Amino acid sequence: MTQFSFDLGATDGRARSGVIHTPRGDIRTPAFMPVGTAATVKAMMPESVAATGADIVLGNTYHLMLRPTAERIDRLGGLHKFMNWHKPILTDSGGFQVMSLAGLRKLTERGVTFKSHIDGSRHDLTPERSMEIQRLLGSDIVMCFDECPALPASEAEVARSMELSMRWAARSRDAFGDRPGHALFGIQQGGVTRDLRAQSAEALTGIGFDGYAVGGLAVGEGQEAMFGVLDYAPDMLPRDKPRYLMGVGKPDDIVGAAARGIDMMDCVLPSRSGRTGQAFTRHGVVNIKNARHQDDPRPLDEACGCPACSNYSRAYLHHVFRAKEMISGMLLTWHNLHYYQDLMAGMRAAIGAGSFDGWQADFHADRAAGDIEPL
């Protein structure tokens, strides 16, 4: 059986391209992971997600443990079979959702006790329980359980939270055990404080993980502060392991993160925006709801090969959004995910060719030029 491994292929400056090998297939990096929160990438068939070029999707421990439950998914053959996705799946630990979505919650050294946002039922989530849930789901890449403090927070609060997360990381490692073909990633915390990030990285590498995430960013600190952390945080992590920036982001966030040495990213933005009438293109964001599109026979982006651009006009996409037809969210989500995967493929090729700086300049120039002129 193929074991989990990472081959770092090319570098260009701090940008990296490579391949993560798993028993369920290879993941080309830099990689963007569409988010399938409740065992589905909203408005998409799994075959369609694969057709956009995605090598891996993300599932959500918190949502799946509450509904339909990890035990039920396990009885039904695991998450891959359940959702008909046979490539790799990464599951998050549930920590972020407990902090942001759950009702009344109590945090202790042991873990978190919380009330479900669905029905108010009480649940415990600990490092051990998070590992058990992710084992029942059968995910290929498992995230250790951590605490995500909301920013802004005092440095003392961020330090306390980071130290707790490092103790939980060690417990996650112990509970994960020996699972050939499956990987466990540690999560660096420390907010926007360099010393705390260094302490966290030292603790994680001392425990030893198959990959490392930069956590606690994209939580309201702004792009400048996020890039400030990414200017040093990835280099604190082992060079020979994948580096994952959680919850990012907009296209220019993704390009900036890859330029700073990040290998994997995920975000709900392309699918969520598709359902609200926003399309990401080479020339920036197009709001298809705007009246300027109602008589426009041109595609969203003439250079895009997705079904929305190949087969439908802006006028049609405007019409079905205004008419609240389901096909609107389906076509725009497909387009957005296709655009994101094109972005990743472009970066991989440029890093491999040693032309990443020029590629980045062209990317920013195209976006700065803005959308095509109205007819």
Protein backbone atom coordinates (compact mmCIF):
# COMPACT_ATOMS: atom_id res chain seq x y z
CA MET A 1 0.00 0.00 0.00
CA THR A 2 1.15 3.52 -0.78
CA GLN A 3 2.16 5.27 2.41
CA PHE A 4 1.62 8.96 3.09
CA SER A 5 4.63 10.94 1.88
CA PHE A 6 5.56 14.34 0.46
CA ASP A 7 7.93 14.99 -2.43
CA LEU A 8 9.08 18.59 -2.66
CA GLY A 9 9.61 19.12 -6.39
CA ALA A 10 10.59 22.65 -7.33
CA THR A 11 11.10 25.89 -5.43
CA ASP A 12 11.14 29.45 -6.76
CA GLY A 13 11.99 31.94 -4.04
CA ARG A 14 9.96 30.71 -1.08
CA ALA A 15 7.20 29.27 -3.31
CA ARG A 16 7.14 25.46 -3.50
CA SER A 17 5.56 22.86 -5.74
CA GLY A 18 5.40 19.17 -4.99
CA VAL A 19 3.23 16.08 -4.59
CA ILE A 20 1.62 14.57 -1.51
CA HIS A 21 1.25 10.82 -2.01
CA THR A 22 -1.66 9.00 -0.32
CA PRO A 23 -3.22 5.55 -0.82
CA ARG A 24 -6.23 7.26 -2.43
CA GLY A 25 -4.23 9.30 -4.89
CA ASP A 26 -1.74 12.11 -5.28
CA ILE A 27 -2.32 15.72 -4.25
CA ARG A 28 -0.46 18.25 -6.39
CA THR A 29 0.79 21.27 -4.45
CA PRO A 30 0.15 24.13 -4.10
CA ALA A 31 -3.31 22.60 -3.59
CA PHE A 32 -6.69 24.19 -3.04
CA MET A 33 -9.18 22.00 -1.17
CA PRO A 34 -12.89 22.67 -1.81
CA VAL A 35 -14.87 22.56 1.43
CA GLY A 36 -17.46 19.78 1.73
CA THR A 37 -18.71 20.74 5.19
CA ALA A 38 -21.58 18.26 5.55
CA ALA A 39 -20.21 15.57 3.19
CA THR A 40 -21.01 17.63 0.12
CA VAL A 41 -19.45 20.57 -1.71
CA LYS A 42 -22.63 22.63 -1.89
CA ALA A 43 -24.33 22.75 -5.32
CA MET A 44 -21.80 20.31 -6.83
CA MET A 45 -21.77 16.62 -7.72
CA PRO A 46 -18.55 14.88 -6.57
CA GLU A 47 -17.74 14.04 -10.20
CA SER A 48 -18.04 17.74 -11.03
CA VAL A 49 -15.70 18.71 -8.19
CA ALA A 50 -13.14 16.24 -9.56
CA ALA A 51 -13.64 17.66 -13.08
CA THR A 52 -12.54 21.10 -11.86
CA GLY A 53 -9.13 19.60 -11.08
CA ALA A 54 -9.48 19.13 -7.31
CA ASP A 55 -7.30 16.34 -5.88
CA ILE A 56 -8.73 16.51 -2.33
CA VAL A 57 -11.75 17.90 -0.46
CA LEU A 58 -12.27 18.90 3.16
CA GLY A 59 -14.92 17.47 5.49
CA ASN A 60 -16.02 18.93 8.81
CA THR A 61 -15.73 16.96 12.04
CA TYR A 62 -18.09 19.19 14.05
CA HIS A 63 -20.95 19.11 11.54
CA LEU A 64 -20.62 15.41 10.74
CA MET A 65 -20.41 14.33 14.41
CA LEU A 66 -23.74 16.08 15.03
CA ARG A 67 -25.46 15.01 11.82
CA PRO A 68 -25.60 12.25 10.60
CA THR A 69 -22.96 11.19 13.27
CA ALA A 70 -19.58 9.63 12.68
CA GLU A 71 -20.83 6.27 13.94
CA ARG A 72 -23.55 6.18 11.26
CA ILE A 73 -21.09 7.14 8.51
CA ASP A 74 -18.75 4.37 9.71
CA ARG A 75 -21.57 1.79 9.61
CA LEU A 76 -22.36 2.91 6.06
CA GLY A 77 -18.80 2.31 4.87
CA GLY A 78 -16.95 5.53 5.72
CA LEU A 79 -17.04 9.09 4.43
CA HIS A 80 -15.53 8.37 0.98
CA LYS A 81 -18.24 5.83 0.14
CA PHE A 82 -20.96 7.86 1.86
CA MET A 83 -20.36 10.97 -0.25
CA ASN A 84 -19.08 9.16 -3.38
CA TRP A 85 -15.67 10.89 -3.32
CA HIS A 86 -12.85 8.42 -3.84
CA LYS A 87 -9.89 10.77 -3.78
CA PRO A 88 -8.27 11.98 -0.53
CA ILE A 89 -10.28 13.73 2.19
CA LEU A 90 -8.91 15.99 4.93
CA THR A 91 -11.06 16.48 8.02
CA ASP A 92 -10.63 19.40 10.39
CA SER A 93 -10.66 18.74 14.11
CA GLY A 94 -13.91 20.52 15.02
CA GLY A 95 -12.16 23.02 17.27
CA PHE A 96 -12.85 26.11 15.20
CA GLN A 97 -16.57 25.33 14.80
CA VAL A 98 -17.01 24.61 18.50
CA MET A 99 -15.61 28.05 19.25
CA SER A 100 -17.61 29.86 16.56
CA LEU A 101 -20.90 27.95 16.15
CA ALA A 102 -21.75 25.95 19.23
CA GLY A 103 -24.06 27.28 21.90
CA LEU A 104 -23.12 27.44 25.56
CA ARG A 105 -19.68 25.88 25.88
CA LYS A 106 -17.23 25.16 28.67
CA LEU A 107 -13.51 24.92 28.02
CA THR A 108 -11.30 22.88 30.37
CA GLU A 109 -7.93 21.16 30.17
CA ARG A 110 -9.77 17.99 29.18
CA GLY A 111 -11.58 19.52 26.19
CA VAL A 112 -14.79 21.35 25.37
CA THR A 113 -18.36 20.61 26.45
CA PHE A 114 -20.89 22.35 24.22
CA LYS A 115 -24.49 22.47 23.07
CA SER A 116 -25.29 21.59 19.46
CA HIS A 117 -26.36 24.52 17.28
CA ILE A 118 -28.86 22.13 15.67
CA ASP A 119 -30.90 20.82 18.60
CA GLY A 120 -29.23 22.01 21.81
CA SER A 121 -28.00 18.51 22.75
CA ARG A 122 -24.85 18.33 24.90
CA HIS A 123 -21.59 16.95 23.52
CA ASP A 124 -17.98 16.53 24.61
CA LEU A 125 -15.12 17.13 22.22
CA THR A 126 -11.65 16.24 23.44
CA PRO A 127 -8.43 15.44 21.55
CA GLU A 128 -9.22 11.75 21.99
CA ARG A 129 -12.83 12.06 20.81
CA SER A 130 -11.78 14.19 17.80
CA MET A 131 -9.30 11.47 16.78
CA GLU A 132 -12.00 8.81 17.21
CA ILE A 133 -14.51 10.73 15.07
CA GLN A 134 -11.98 11.30 12.30
CA ARG A 135 -11.00 7.59 12.42
CA LEU A 136 -14.67 6.61 12.07
CA LEU A 137 -15.03 8.97 9.11
CA GLY A 138 -11.98 7.36 7.51
CA SER A 139 -10.33 10.61 6.45
CA ASP A 140 -6.89 10.45 4.87
CA ILE A 141 -5.50 13.56 6.58
CA VAL A 142 -6.56 14.12 10.20
CA MET A 143 -6.09 17.43 12.02
CA CYS A 144 -5.11 17.47 15.68
CA PHE A 145 -7.58 19.08 18.09
CA ASP A 146 -6.80 22.69 18.97
CA GLU A 147 -8.35 25.77 20.46
CA CYS A 148 -8.93 28.79 18.24
CA PRO A 149 -9.10 32.03 20.22
CA ALA A 150 -11.02 34.82 18.53
CA LEU A 151 -8.85 37.77 17.57
CA PRO A 152 -8.27 40.41 18.75
CA ALA A 153 -7.08 38.87 22.01
CA SER A 154 -4.39 39.84 24.51
CA GLU A 155 -0.95 38.31 24.08
CA ALA A 156 -1.40 36.54 27.42
CA GLU A 157 -4.66 35.00 26.20
CA VAL A 158 -3.08 33.92 22.89
CA ALA A 159 -0.15 32.40 24.80
CA ARG A 160 -2.46 30.49 27.16
CA SER A 161 -4.48 29.19 24.23
CA MET A 162 -1.38 28.18 22.25
CA GLU A 163 0.07 26.28 25.20
CA LEU A 164 -3.22 24.44 25.71
CA SER A 165 -3.33 23.59 22.00
CA MET A 166 0.21 22.15 22.21
CA ARG A 167 -0.81 19.89 25.12
CA TRP A 168 -3.86 18.84 23.10
CA ALA A 169 -1.58 18.19 20.09
CA ALA A 170 0.46 15.69 22.13
CA ARG A 171 -2.75 13.97 23.26
CA SER A 172 -3.99 13.92 19.65
CA ARG A 173 -0.74 12.26 18.55
CA ASP A 174 -1.09 9.60 21.26
CA ALA A 175 -4.76 8.95 20.46
CA PHE A 176 -4.14 8.82 16.70
CA GLY A 177 -1.78 5.90 17.16
CA ASP A 178 -0.24 3.99 14.26
CA ARG A 179 -2.48 4.18 11.18
CA PRO A 180 -0.51 3.33 8.01
CA GLY A 181 -1.68 5.29 4.98
CA HIS A 182 -3.32 7.98 7.14
CA ALA A 183 -1.66 11.23 8.19
CA LEU A 184 -1.95 13.45 11.25
CA PHE A 185 -1.18 17.17 10.95
CA GLY A 186 -0.21 19.44 13.83
CA ILE A 187 -1.47 23.02 13.97
CA GLN A 188 0.81 25.94 14.77
CA GLN A 189 -0.81 28.66 16.88
CA GLY A 190 0.43 31.89 18.41
CA GLY A 191 -1.64 34.62 16.80
CA VAL A 192 0.46 37.39 15.28
CA THR A 193 3.29 37.08 17.84
CA ARG A 194 6.54 35.75 16.41
CA ASP A 195 7.90 34.32 19.69
CA LEU A 196 4.68 32.40 20.35
CA ARG A 197 4.71 31.03 16.78
CA ALA A 198 8.29 29.85 17.33
CA GLN A 199 7.39 28.17 20.64
CA SER A 200 4.44 26.45 18.97
CA ALA A 201 6.54 25.21 16.04
CA GLU A 202 9.18 23.86 18.42
CA ALA A 203 6.55 22.00 20.45
CA LEU A 204 4.93 20.50 17.35
CA THR A 205 8.17 19.35 15.73
CA GLY A 206 9.16 17.82 19.05
CA ILE A 207 5.95 15.73 19.00
CA GLY A 208 6.35 14.90 15.29
CA PHE A 209 3.61 15.09 12.66
CA ASP A 210 3.13 14.08 9.02
CA GLY A 211 2.34 17.68 8.05
CA TYR A 212 1.92 21.05 9.72
CA ALA A 213 -0.79 23.69 9.51
CA VAL A 214 -0.51 27.39 10.18
CA GLY A 215 -3.64 27.98 12.22
CA GLY A 216 -5.24 30.99 13.87
CA LEU A 217 -5.08 33.23 10.78
CA ALA A 218 -7.85 34.47 8.47
CA VAL A 219 -9.92 35.15 11.58
CA GLY A 220 -10.32 38.89 11.13
CA GLU A 221 -6.73 40.14 11.45
CA GLY A 222 -6.61 41.41 7.84
CA GLN A 223 -4.38 40.46 4.92
CA GLU A 224 -1.43 42.67 5.90
CA ALA A 225 -1.19 41.09 9.37
CA MET A 226 -1.71 37.60 7.92
CA PHE A 227 1.07 38.07 5.36
CA GLY A 228 3.24 39.50 8.14
CA VAL A 229 2.96 36.18 10.01
CA LEU A 230 3.42 34.15 6.81
CA ASP A 231 6.67 36.04 6.17
CA TYR A 232 8.22 33.90 8.94
CA ALA A 233 5.83 31.20 10.25
CA PRO A 234 6.07 28.61 7.42
CA ASP A 235 9.88 28.63 7.64
CA MET A 236 9.62 27.61 11.31
CA LEU A 237 8.06 24.32 10.16
CA PRO A 238 9.91 21.32 8.65
CA ARG A 239 10.85 21.91 5.04
CA ASP A 240 10.21 18.27 4.07
CA LYS A 241 6.56 18.18 5.27
CA PRO A 242 3.44 19.75 3.75
CA ARG A 243 2.40 23.16 5.11
CA TYR A 244 -1.30 23.94 5.26
CA LEU A 245 -2.83 27.40 5.77
CA MET A 246 -6.31 26.87 7.18
CA GLY A 247 -9.35 28.79 5.93
CA VAL A 248 -7.72 30.86 3.15
CA GLY A 249 -9.04 32.49 1.10
CA LYS A 250 -9.51 35.07 -1.64
CA PRO A 251 -7.44 34.60 -4.82
CA ASP A 252 -4.84 37.21 -3.85
CA ASP A 253 -4.61 35.66 -0.34
CA ILE A 254 -3.91 32.28 -1.94
CA VAL A 255 -1.24 33.60 -4.30
CA GLY A 256 0.41 35.55 -1.47
CA ALA A 257 0.38 32.49 0.79
CA ALA A 258 1.89 30.25 -1.89
CA ALA A 259 4.59 32.87 -2.48
CA ARG A 260 5.46 32.55 1.22
CA GLY A 261 5.88 28.77 1.22
CA ILE A 262 2.37 27.39 1.82
CA ASP A 263 1.44 24.11 0.11
CA MET A 264 -2.26 23.59 0.94
CA MET A 265 -5.27 25.87 1.45
CA ASP A 266 -9.03 25.59 1.83
CA CYS A 267 -11.93 28.03 1.91
CA VAL A 268 -15.72 28.10 1.55
CA LEU A 269 -15.44 31.29 -0.50
CA PRO A 270 -15.69 29.89 -4.07
CA SER A 271 -18.79 27.82 -3.28
CA ARG A 272 -20.45 30.35 -0.97
CA SER A 273 -19.85 33.19 -3.41
CA GLY A 274 -21.25 31.09 -6.26
CA ARG A 275 -24.53 30.73 -4.40
CA THR A 276 -24.74 34.50 -3.83
CA GLY A 277 -24.10 35.53 -7.44
CA GLN A 278 -20.38 36.30 -7.25
CA ALA A 279 -17.96 34.89 -9.81
CA PHE A 280 -14.17 35.01 -9.49
CA THR A 281 -12.44 35.70 -12.80
CA ARG A 282 -8.96 36.69 -13.99
CA HIS A 283 -10.24 40.28 -13.95
CA GLY A 284 -11.58 40.26 -10.41
CA VAL A 285 -15.01 39.55 -8.95
CA VAL A 286 -18.10 39.78 -11.18
CA ASN A 287 -21.46 40.39 -9.48
CA ILE A 288 -23.82 38.61 -11.85
CA LYS A 289 -26.83 40.17 -10.13
CA ASN A 290 -25.96 43.59 -11.58
CA ALA A 291 -28.27 44.87 -14.34
CA ARG A 292 -25.31 45.54 -16.68
CA HIS A 293 -25.23 41.79 -17.48
CA GLN A 294 -28.90 41.33 -18.47
CA ASP A 295 -28.34 41.81 -22.23
CA ASP A 296 -24.73 40.62 -22.39
CA PRO A 297 -24.24 37.56 -24.68
CA ARG A 298 -20.59 37.16 -23.69
CA PRO A 299 -19.27 34.55 -21.22
CA LEU A 300 -18.12 35.37 -17.72
CA ASP A 301 -14.52 34.83 -18.86
CA GLU A 302 -13.73 33.98 -22.48
CA ALA A 303 -10.50 32.21 -21.41
CA CYS A 304 -12.27 29.85 -18.96
CA GLY A 305 -13.18 26.32 -20.02
CA CYS A 306 -15.80 25.59 -17.32
CA PRO A 307 -19.41 24.75 -18.33
CA ALA A 308 -20.72 28.14 -17.17
CA CYS A 309 -18.31 29.96 -19.50
CA SER A 310 -18.36 27.43 -22.35
CA ASN A 311 -22.14 27.11 -22.66
CA TYR A 312 -23.89 30.09 -21.08
CA SER A 313 -23.93 33.87 -21.42
CA ARG A 314 -23.74 36.51 -18.73
CA ALA A 315 -27.34 37.35 -19.66
CA TYR A 316 -28.47 33.79 -18.87
CA LEU A 317 -26.48 33.62 -15.63
CA HIS A 318 -28.01 36.97 -14.60
CA HIS A 319 -31.50 35.71 -15.44
CA VAL A 320 -31.29 32.43 -13.49
CA PHE A 321 -29.80 34.21 -10.46
CA ARG A 322 -32.61 36.79 -10.49
CA ALA A 323 -35.19 34.01 -10.96
CA LYS A 324 -33.68 32.13 -7.99
CA GLU A 325 -33.16 29.00 -10.10
CA MET A 326 -30.95 26.29 -8.60
CA ILE A 327 -28.82 26.12 -11.73
CA SER A 328 -27.47 29.57 -10.88
CA GLY A 329 -25.60 28.36 -7.79
CA MET A 330 -24.55 25.19 -9.60
CA LEU A 331 -23.00 26.98 -12.59
CA LEU A 332 -21.35 29.79 -10.62
CA THR A 333 -19.93 27.38 -8.02
CA TRP A 334 -18.51 25.17 -10.78
CA HIS A 335 -16.98 28.24 -12.42
CA ASN A 336 -15.44 29.48 -9.15
CA LEU A 337 -13.96 26.11 -8.24
CA HIS A 338 -12.61 25.74 -11.81
CA TYR A 339 -11.04 29.20 -11.55
CA TYR A 340 -9.40 28.34 -8.22
CA GLN A 341 -7.97 25.10 -9.61
CA ASP A 342 -6.72 26.95 -12.71
CA LEU A 343 -4.99 29.37 -10.33
CA MET A 344 -3.25 26.49 -8.54
CA ALA A 345 -2.22 24.84 -11.83
CA GLY A 346 -0.81 28.16 -13.05
CA MET A 347 1.24 28.55 -9.88
CA ARG A 348 2.54 24.98 -10.02
CA ALA A 349 3.65 25.44 -13.62
CA ALA A 350 5.29 28.81 -12.91
CA ILE A 351 7.16 27.51 -9.85
CA GLY A 352 8.35 24.52 -11.89
CA ALA A 353 9.56 26.84 -14.67
CA GLY A 354 11.24 29.29 -12.29
CA SER A 355 8.98 32.10 -13.50
CA PHE A 356 6.79 32.63 -10.45
CA ASP A 357 7.60 36.34 -10.02
CA GLY A 358 6.49 37.09 -13.58
CA TRP A 359 3.38 34.93 -13.17
CA GLN A 360 2.49 36.85 -9.97
CA ALA A 361 2.95 40.20 -11.71
CA ASP A 362 0.64 39.11 -14.56
CA PHE A 363 -1.93 37.82 -12.05
CA HIS A 364 -2.07 41.18 -10.24
CA ALA A 365 -2.06 43.17 -13.51
CA ASP A 366 -5.01 41.18 -14.88
CA ARG A 367 -7.00 41.79 -11.69
CA ALA A 368 -6.11 45.47 -11.61
CA ALA A 369 -7.40 45.89 -15.17
CA GLY A 370 -10.92 45.12 -13.96
CA ASP A 371 -13.87 43.42 -15.67
CA ILE A 372 -14.57 43.80 -19.38
CA GLU A 373 -16.39 46.99 -20.40
CA PRO A 374 -20.21 46.82 -20.45
CA LEU A 375 -21.79 46.57 -23.89
